[in-house]
Every structure is written in C-alpha cells, then in structure tokens.
Amino acid sequence: MATSRKDDAPQNEGMEKLRKSETMGHLLGSLEKGEDIGHYGRFVFASVARHFLGDEELVALLAKDRDFSEEQAMSLVHQVKDHDYSPPRREKLMEFQAQQEFPIVPNPDDPDAGNLYRELDFPDEVFEHISQYHEQKERAGV
C-alpha cells in the first residue's frame, strides 16, 4: 500500500494533532479500547486521520475496532484515498450519527462539536480539493 504524505512526520505528532479534536480524540480513544465505532465512525476516522497518520498506523488503529479486520481496514484506507474523500462537515457527521448506534460526535448538542475544520489544522491540499469540487459543481450548474 502506498504511504501517506505524513509518513515523514513523527508518528506521535499526528496522534497528538488528532487528539486536539474532541471528535477525533473520541474516535481514536474508542478505537484504542477496541470498541466498535460503526461503519460511519470508521469512514470518518479514515477520511480525516489519513491527513495526519501514515497508512500502516491508520490501518492498525482501524483494525483495533472489534468488528473490523485488518483486511477490511486496508480496504477502507485504499477506498478513502482512491476517492480522495474530504473530511466531512458537521452536518454530514450528524447524518452519519443518526444512522448508527455509536456516537461519532460525543456532544451533539454543542453546535461547535463535530466541526472538524475548526478543530483541526488540515493541510492546504484539503482546502484546494474542496475549492475545486465547488468550482466543478458551479460549472456544471448543480
């Protein structure tokens, strides 16, 4: 599997950055305990954490979910990277959360909770990707 752009950074640095986000810290802590964070929780974790962790570390964390194998984790990481999914906005997190038992956003009543773009410092290419997407939608008249 190809390595992520963040493989040159110390491993713990990416983990520390993720823990600064209430949402990602919650998902990360739950994975470390071996909890099942649900289909959407795993997707959210992968689509965000790929910008902070190397592929091997990301797969190892996802595979700690008691209902998710290492092979499934590798497949998810591949899918997220191949489709170049952007980290979801809070509104999408709340939609995902409504479809599963595990709470992705630990404090959904707080309107700032789950705002990953406020909680984390994403690489510039994430924002460039989002801008390109919106430009394409505008050109398509959608």
Foldseek 3Di string as FASTA:
>chain_A
DDKAPQPVPPAVVLVVQLCLAQLSVVLQVCLVVQAAQDPVLLLLNLQPSSQRHILVVQLVSSCSNVVAHSVNSNVSNCVCVVVVDARDAQVVLVVVCVVDDHRSFPCVVPPCTRGVVVRGDGDPVSVVVVVVVVVVCVVVVD
